[in-house]
Amino acid sequence: MPPSRPQPVALPVNDLTLDMGPKLDMDRYVPAFLNSIANKLSSGASRLYFKHFGIGVVEWRIIVHLVAEPWCTAARICQIIGMDKAAVSRSYALMEDRGLIQFRPAEPRGREAALTVAGRDLHDRILVMALERERRLLADLSPREVDTLINLLGRLLARIPHVNAYDPAAEDAGPAA
């Protein structure tokens, strides 16, 4: 006969911490909702692009930016895309090894990147998939709703500096003397 397992101890209901105070409504908390959408879209895109082209979504974002703004520094890409410099540097190394980008010196001690012909060709091939993913995402929205969504997202993006400047400790201290 196998040894008996210890039985869980039943706690009285009043000892449970069922209601510990305020909590977020995760169905209505916009930062979590946006983050969830972005994470799911990014992971899906990364899997697809890696499967077909051997690059991830980070490299794709850099490629898209270099089409819009050739001869761009890593610092500028970090600023525009909102990525950390280490991720961009790793992607730069991978993309340079694959012949997708080229560099030239930039002042004061940096370097600027631009796509090679191979990089532009890769952009054009991935773009077809990216646009199809966007079409599928927005398929249930009317053109007017898409315009409204883009407008609202742009307004939220413009608020990011104000949101990120929030520091309750600084506000509690009051104005500087």
C-alpha atoms as a PDB file:
ATOM      1  CA  MET A   1       0.000   0.000   0.000  1.00  0.00           C
ATOM      2  CA  PRO A   2       1.567   3.351  -1.073  1.00  0.00           C
ATOM      3  CA  PRO A   3       2.161   5.941   1.615  1.00  0.00           C
ATOM      4  CA  SER A   4      -0.703   8.362   1.990  1.00  0.00           C
ATOM      5  CA  ARG A   5      -0.177  11.927   0.851  1.00  0.00           C
ATOM      6  CA  PRO A   6      -0.642  14.723   3.327  1.00  0.00           C
ATOM      7  CA  GLN A   7      -4.081  16.247   3.055  1.00  0.00           C
ATOM      8  CA  PRO A   8      -4.325  20.001   2.527  1.00  0.00           C
ATOM      9  CA  VAL A   9      -5.459  21.929   5.515  1.00  0.00           C
ATOM     10  CA  ALA A  10      -8.771  23.674   4.928  1.00  0.00           C
ATOM     11  CA  LEU A  11      -8.625  27.312   5.921  1.00  0.00           C
ATOM     12  CA  PRO A  12     -11.714  29.082   7.157  1.00  0.00           C
ATOM     13  CA  VAL A  13     -13.061  31.504   4.577  1.00  0.00           C
ATOM     14  CA  ASN A  14     -12.386  34.506   6.791  1.00  0.00           C
ATOM     15  CA  ASP A  15      -8.625  33.694   6.746  1.00  0.00           C
ATOM     16  CA  LEU A  16      -8.404  33.943   2.959  1.00  0.00           C
ATOM     17  CA  THR A  17      -7.318  37.169   1.339  1.00  0.00           C
ATOM     18  CA  LEU A  18     -10.020  37.215  -1.321  1.00  0.00           C
ATOM     19  CA  ASP A  19     -10.348  40.984  -1.308  1.00  0.00           C
ATOM     20  CA  MET A  20      -7.057  42.727  -0.678  1.00  0.00           C
ATOM     21  CA  GLY A  21      -8.198  46.148  -1.805  1.00  0.00           C
ATOM     22  CA  PRO A  22      -8.101  47.973  -5.130  1.00  0.00           C
ATOM     23  CA  LYS A  23      -7.143  46.090  -8.271  1.00  0.00           C
ATOM     24  CA  LEU A  24      -6.927  46.817 -11.967  1.00  0.00           C
ATOM     25  CA  ASP A  25      -9.763  45.890 -14.279  1.00  0.00           C
ATOM     26  CA  MET A  26      -7.545  44.154 -16.820  1.00  0.00           C
ATOM     27  CA  ASP A  27     -10.310  44.334 -19.446  1.00  0.00           C
ATOM     28  CA  ARG A  28     -10.282  48.146 -19.246  1.00  0.00           C
ATOM     29  CA  TYR A  29      -6.746  49.105 -18.169  1.00  0.00           C
ATOM     30  CA  VAL A  30      -5.476  50.628 -21.404  1.00  0.00           C
ATOM     31  CA  PRO A  31      -1.690  50.191 -20.849  1.00  0.00           C
ATOM     32  CA  ALA A  32      -2.104  46.447 -20.228  1.00  0.00           C
ATOM     33  CA  PHE A  33      -4.498  46.106 -23.159  1.00  0.00           C
ATOM     34  CA  LEU A  34      -2.120  47.889 -25.549  1.00  0.00           C
ATOM     35  CA  ASN A  35       0.840  45.902 -24.224  1.00  0.00           C
ATOM     36  CA  SER A  36      -0.998  42.611 -24.718  1.00  0.00           C
ATOM     37  CA  ILE A  37      -1.924  43.504 -28.296  1.00  0.00           C
ATOM     38  CA  ALA A  38       1.625  44.658 -29.094  1.00  0.00           C
ATOM     39  CA  ASN A  39       3.237  41.570 -27.537  1.00  0.00           C
ATOM     40  CA  LYS A  40       0.959  39.168 -29.390  1.00  0.00           C
ATOM     41  CA  LEU A  41       1.444  40.963 -32.708  1.00  0.00           C
ATOM     42  CA  SER A  42       5.222  41.119 -32.222  1.00  0.00           C
ATOM     43  CA  SER A  43       5.625  37.475 -31.284  1.00  0.00           C
ATOM     44  CA  GLY A  44       3.488  36.365 -34.228  1.00  0.00           C
ATOM     45  CA  ALA A  45       5.391  38.588 -36.648  1.00  0.00           C
ATOM     46  CA  SER A  46       8.732  37.482 -35.253  1.00  0.00           C
ATOM     47  CA  ARG A  47       7.876  33.797 -35.708  1.00  0.00           C
ATOM     48  CA  LEU A  48       6.647  34.384 -39.252  1.00  0.00           C
ATOM     49  CA  TYR A  49       9.568  36.535 -40.358  1.00  0.00           C
ATOM     50  CA  PHE A  50      12.114  34.208 -38.778  1.00  0.00           C
ATOM     51  CA  LYS A  51      10.524  31.172 -40.439  1.00  0.00           C
ATOM     52  CA  HIS A  52      10.536  32.746 -43.895  1.00  0.00           C
ATOM     53  CA  PHE A  53      13.459  35.183 -43.796  1.00  0.00           C
ATOM     54  CA  GLY A  54      15.678  34.356 -40.815  1.00  0.00           C
ATOM     55  CA  ILE A  55      15.106  37.666 -39.045  1.00  0.00           C
ATOM     56  CA  GLY A  56      12.941  38.724 -36.121  1.00  0.00           C
ATOM     57  CA  VAL A  57      10.656  41.640 -35.508  1.00  0.00           C
ATOM     58  CA  VAL A  58      13.486  43.799 -34.092  1.00  0.00           C
ATOM     59  CA  GLU A  59      15.412  43.566 -37.355  1.00  0.00           C
ATOM     60  CA  TRP A  60      12.186  44.217 -39.284  1.00  0.00           C
ATOM     61  CA  ARG A  61      11.543  47.406 -37.301  1.00  0.00           C
ATOM     62  CA  ILE A  62      15.073  48.601 -38.028  1.00  0.00           C
ATOM     63  CA  ILE A  63      14.715  47.790 -41.730  1.00  0.00           C
ATOM     64  CA  VAL A  64      11.431  49.715 -41.901  1.00  0.00           C
ATOM     65  CA  HIS A  65      13.046  52.695 -40.235  1.00  0.00           C
ATOM     66  CA  LEU A  66      16.082  52.614 -42.521  1.00  0.00           C
ATOM     67  CA  VAL A  67      13.770  52.713 -45.550  1.00  0.00           C
ATOM     68  CA  ALA A  68      12.127  55.838 -44.130  1.00  0.00           C
ATOM     69  CA  GLU A  69      15.371  57.418 -42.897  1.00  0.00           C
ATOM     70  CA  PRO A  70      18.548  56.082 -44.555  1.00  0.00           C
ATOM     71  CA  TRP A  71      21.933  56.778 -42.979  1.00  0.00           C
ATOM     72  CA  CYS A  72      20.590  56.749 -39.472  1.00  0.00           C
ATOM     73  CA  THR A  73      22.492  56.227 -36.212  1.00  0.00           C
ATOM     74  CA  ALA A  74      21.600  53.501 -33.723  1.00  0.00           C
ATOM     75  CA  ALA A  75      20.793  56.209 -31.176  1.00  0.00           C
ATOM     76  CA  ARG A  76      18.232  57.730 -33.548  1.00  0.00           C
ATOM     77  CA  ILE A  77      16.628  54.338 -34.172  1.00  0.00           C
ATOM     78  CA  CYS A  78      16.417  53.760 -30.414  1.00  0.00           C
ATOM     79  CA  GLN A  79      14.766  57.154 -29.992  1.00  0.00           C
ATOM     80  CA  ILE A  80      12.190  56.648 -32.757  1.00  0.00           C
ATOM     81  CA  ILE A  81      11.356  52.979 -32.230  1.00  0.00           C
ATOM     82  CA  GLY A  82      11.686  53.010 -28.454  1.00  0.00           C
ATOM     83  CA  MET A  83      14.161  50.140 -28.220  1.00  0.00           C
ATOM     84  CA  ASP A  84      17.254  49.805 -26.079  1.00  0.00           C
ATOM     85  CA  LYS A  85      20.654  50.290 -27.681  1.00  0.00           C
ATOM     86  CA  ALA A  86      21.859  46.757 -26.890  1.00  0.00           C
ATOM     87  CA  ALA A  87      19.011  45.198 -28.901  1.00  0.00           C
ATOM     88  CA  VAL A  88      19.671  47.523 -31.828  1.00  0.00           C
ATOM     89  CA  SER A  89      23.427  46.818 -31.700  1.00  0.00           C
ATOM     90  CA  ARG A  90      22.841  43.044 -31.731  1.00  0.00           C
ATOM     91  CA  SER A  91      20.478  43.417 -34.664  1.00  0.00           C
ATOM     92  CA  TYR A  92      22.943  45.657 -36.491  1.00  0.00           C
ATOM     93  CA  ALA A  93      25.637  42.971 -36.140  1.00  0.00           C
ATOM     94  CA  LEU A  94      23.301  40.252 -37.458  1.00  0.00           C
ATOM     95  CA  MET A  95      22.138  42.437 -40.326  1.00  0.00           C
ATOM     96  CA  GLU A  96      25.681  43.457 -41.264  1.00  0.00           C
ATOM     97  CA  ASP A  97      26.785  39.793 -41.269  1.00  0.00           C
ATOM     98  CA  ARG A  98      23.919  38.994 -43.633  1.00  0.00           C
ATOM     99  CA  GLY A  99      24.789  41.901 -45.925  1.00  0.00           C
ATOM    100  CA  LEU A 100      21.519  43.735 -45.242  1.00  0.00           C
ATOM    101  CA  ILE A 101      23.039  47.010 -44.007  1.00  0.00           C
ATOM    102  CA  GLN A 102      26.177  49.043 -44.560  1.00  0.00           C
ATOM    103  CA  PHE A 103      27.798  51.699 -42.399  1.00  0.00           C
ATOM    104  CA  ARG A 104      29.591  55.005 -42.786  1.00  0.00           C
ATOM    105  CA  PRO A 105      31.233  57.167 -40.122  1.00  0.00           C
ATOM    106  CA  ALA A 106      29.105  59.766 -38.371  1.00  0.00           C
ATOM    107  CA  GLU A 107      29.990  62.639 -36.078  1.00  0.00           C
ATOM    108  CA  PRO A 108      31.053  62.770 -33.326  1.00  0.00           C
ATOM    109  CA  ARG A 109      32.206  59.129 -32.868  1.00  0.00           C
ATOM    110  CA  GLY A 110      29.359  57.072 -34.228  1.00  0.00           C
ATOM    111  CA  ARG A 111      28.325  55.491 -37.443  1.00  0.00           C
ATOM    112  CA  GLU A 112      25.239  55.609 -39.610  1.00  0.00           C
ATOM    113  CA  ALA A 113      23.507  52.660 -41.234  1.00  0.00           C
ATOM    114  CA  ALA A 114      21.620  52.276 -44.494  1.00  0.00           C
ATOM    115  CA  LEU A 115      20.130  49.281 -46.244  1.00  0.00           C
ATOM    116  CA  THR A 116      22.041  47.515 -48.969  1.00  0.00           C
ATOM    117  CA  VAL A 117      20.287  46.324 -52.115  1.00  0.00           C
ATOM    118  CA  ALA A 118      19.805  42.963 -50.370  1.00  0.00           C
ATOM    119  CA  GLY A 119      18.323  44.748 -47.353  1.00  0.00           C
ATOM    120  CA  ARG A 120      15.881  46.683 -49.523  1.00  0.00           C
ATOM    121  CA  ASP A 121      14.918  43.491 -51.349  1.00  0.00           C
ATOM    122  CA  LEU A 122      14.232  41.789 -48.004  1.00  0.00           C
ATOM    123  CA  HIS A 123      12.132  44.787 -46.928  1.00  0.00           C
ATOM    124  CA  ASP A 124      10.015  44.535 -50.066  1.00  0.00           C
ATOM    125  CA  ARG A 125       9.383  40.804 -49.531  1.00  0.00           C
ATOM    126  CA  ILE A 126       8.492  41.131 -45.841  1.00  0.00           C
ATOM    127  CA  LEU A 127       6.315  44.167 -46.518  1.00  0.00           C
ATOM    128  CA  VAL A 128       3.841  41.971 -48.393  1.00  0.00           C
ATOM    129  CA  MET A 129       3.400  39.806 -45.273  1.00  0.00           C
ATOM    130  CA  ALA A 130       3.295  42.785 -42.912  1.00  0.00           C
ATOM    131  CA  LEU A 131       0.549  44.466 -44.906  1.00  0.00           C
ATOM    132  CA  GLU A 132      -1.462  41.246 -45.056  1.00  0.00           C
ATOM    133  CA  ARG A 133      -1.161  40.888 -41.258  1.00  0.00           C
ATOM    134  CA  GLU A 134      -2.377  44.480 -40.884  1.00  0.00           C
ATOM    135  CA  ARG A 135      -5.278  43.831 -43.279  1.00  0.00           C
ATOM    136  CA  ARG A 136      -6.333  40.804 -41.208  1.00  0.00           C
ATOM    137  CA  LEU A 137      -6.040  42.766 -37.960  1.00  0.00           C
ATOM    138  CA  LEU A 138      -8.228  45.615 -39.199  1.00  0.00           C
ATOM    139  CA  ALA A 139     -10.661  43.534 -41.276  1.00  0.00           C
ATOM    140  CA  ASP A 140     -13.606  44.088 -38.914  1.00  0.00           C
ATOM    141  CA  LEU A 141     -13.183  47.877 -38.909  1.00  0.00           C
ATOM    142  CA  SER A 142     -14.599  50.303 -41.446  1.00  0.00           C
ATOM    143  CA  PRO A 143     -12.211  52.761 -43.135  1.00  0.00           C
ATOM    144  CA  ARG A 144     -13.603  55.491 -40.877  1.00  0.00           C
ATOM    145  CA  GLU A 145     -12.968  53.363 -37.777  1.00  0.00           C
ATOM    146  CA  VAL A 146      -9.401  52.718 -38.949  1.00  0.00           C
ATOM    147  CA  ASP A 147      -8.871  56.476 -39.317  1.00  0.00           C
ATOM    148  CA  THR A 148     -10.321  57.025 -35.842  1.00  0.00           C
ATOM    149  CA  LEU A 149      -8.106  54.292 -34.382  1.00  0.00           C
ATOM    150  CA  ILE A 150      -4.983  55.774 -35.969  1.00  0.00           C
ATOM    151  CA  ASN A 151      -5.935  59.233 -34.703  1.00  0.00           C
ATOM    152  CA  LEU A 152      -6.533  57.957 -31.165  1.00  0.00           C
ATOM    153  CA  LEU A 153      -3.286  55.962 -31.122  1.00  0.00           C
ATOM    154  CA  GLY A 154      -1.392  59.040 -32.336  1.00  0.00           C
ATOM    155  CA  ARG A 155      -2.910  61.079 -29.528  1.00  0.00           C
ATOM    156  CA  LEU A 156      -1.906  58.433 -26.987  1.00  0.00           C
ATOM    157  CA  LEU A 157       1.619  58.364 -28.398  1.00  0.00           C
ATOM    158  CA  ALA A 158       1.862  62.130 -28.017  1.00  0.00           C
ATOM    159  CA  ARG A 159       0.975  61.754 -24.316  1.00  0.00           C
ATOM    160  CA  ILE A 160       3.839  59.328 -23.569  1.00  0.00           C
ATOM    161  CA  PRO A 161       6.359  62.015 -22.494  1.00  0.00           C
ATOM    162  CA  HIS A 162       3.800  63.425 -20.047  1.00  0.00           C
ATOM    163  CA  VAL A 163       2.986  59.951 -18.690  1.00  0.00           C
ATOM    164  CA  ASN A 164       6.652  58.998 -18.349  1.00  0.00           C
ATOM    165  CA  ALA A 165       7.434  62.261 -16.581  1.00  0.00           C
ATOM    166  CA  TYR A 166       5.086  61.308 -13.747  1.00  0.00           C
ATOM    167  CA  ASP A 167       6.904  60.774 -10.451  1.00  0.00           C
ATOM    168  CA  PRO A 168       4.783  61.031  -7.304  1.00  0.00           C
ATOM    169  CA  ALA A 169       7.872  61.687  -5.158  1.00  0.00           C
ATOM    170  CA  ALA A 170       8.780  64.707  -7.284  1.00  0.00           C
ATOM    171  CA  GLU A 171       5.209  65.997  -7.220  1.00  0.00           C
ATOM    172  CA  ASP A 172       5.018  65.599  -3.426  1.00  0.00           C
ATOM    173  CA  ALA A 173       8.192  67.675  -3.036  1.00  0.00           C
ATOM    174  CA  GLY A 174       6.508  70.664  -4.664  1.00  0.00           C
ATOM    175  CA  PRO A 175       8.161  73.277  -6.860  1.00  0.00           C
ATOM    176  CA  ALA A 176      11.920  73.698  -6.597  1.00  0.00           C
ATOM    177  CA  ALA A 177      13.087  76.758  -4.679  1.00  0.00           C
END
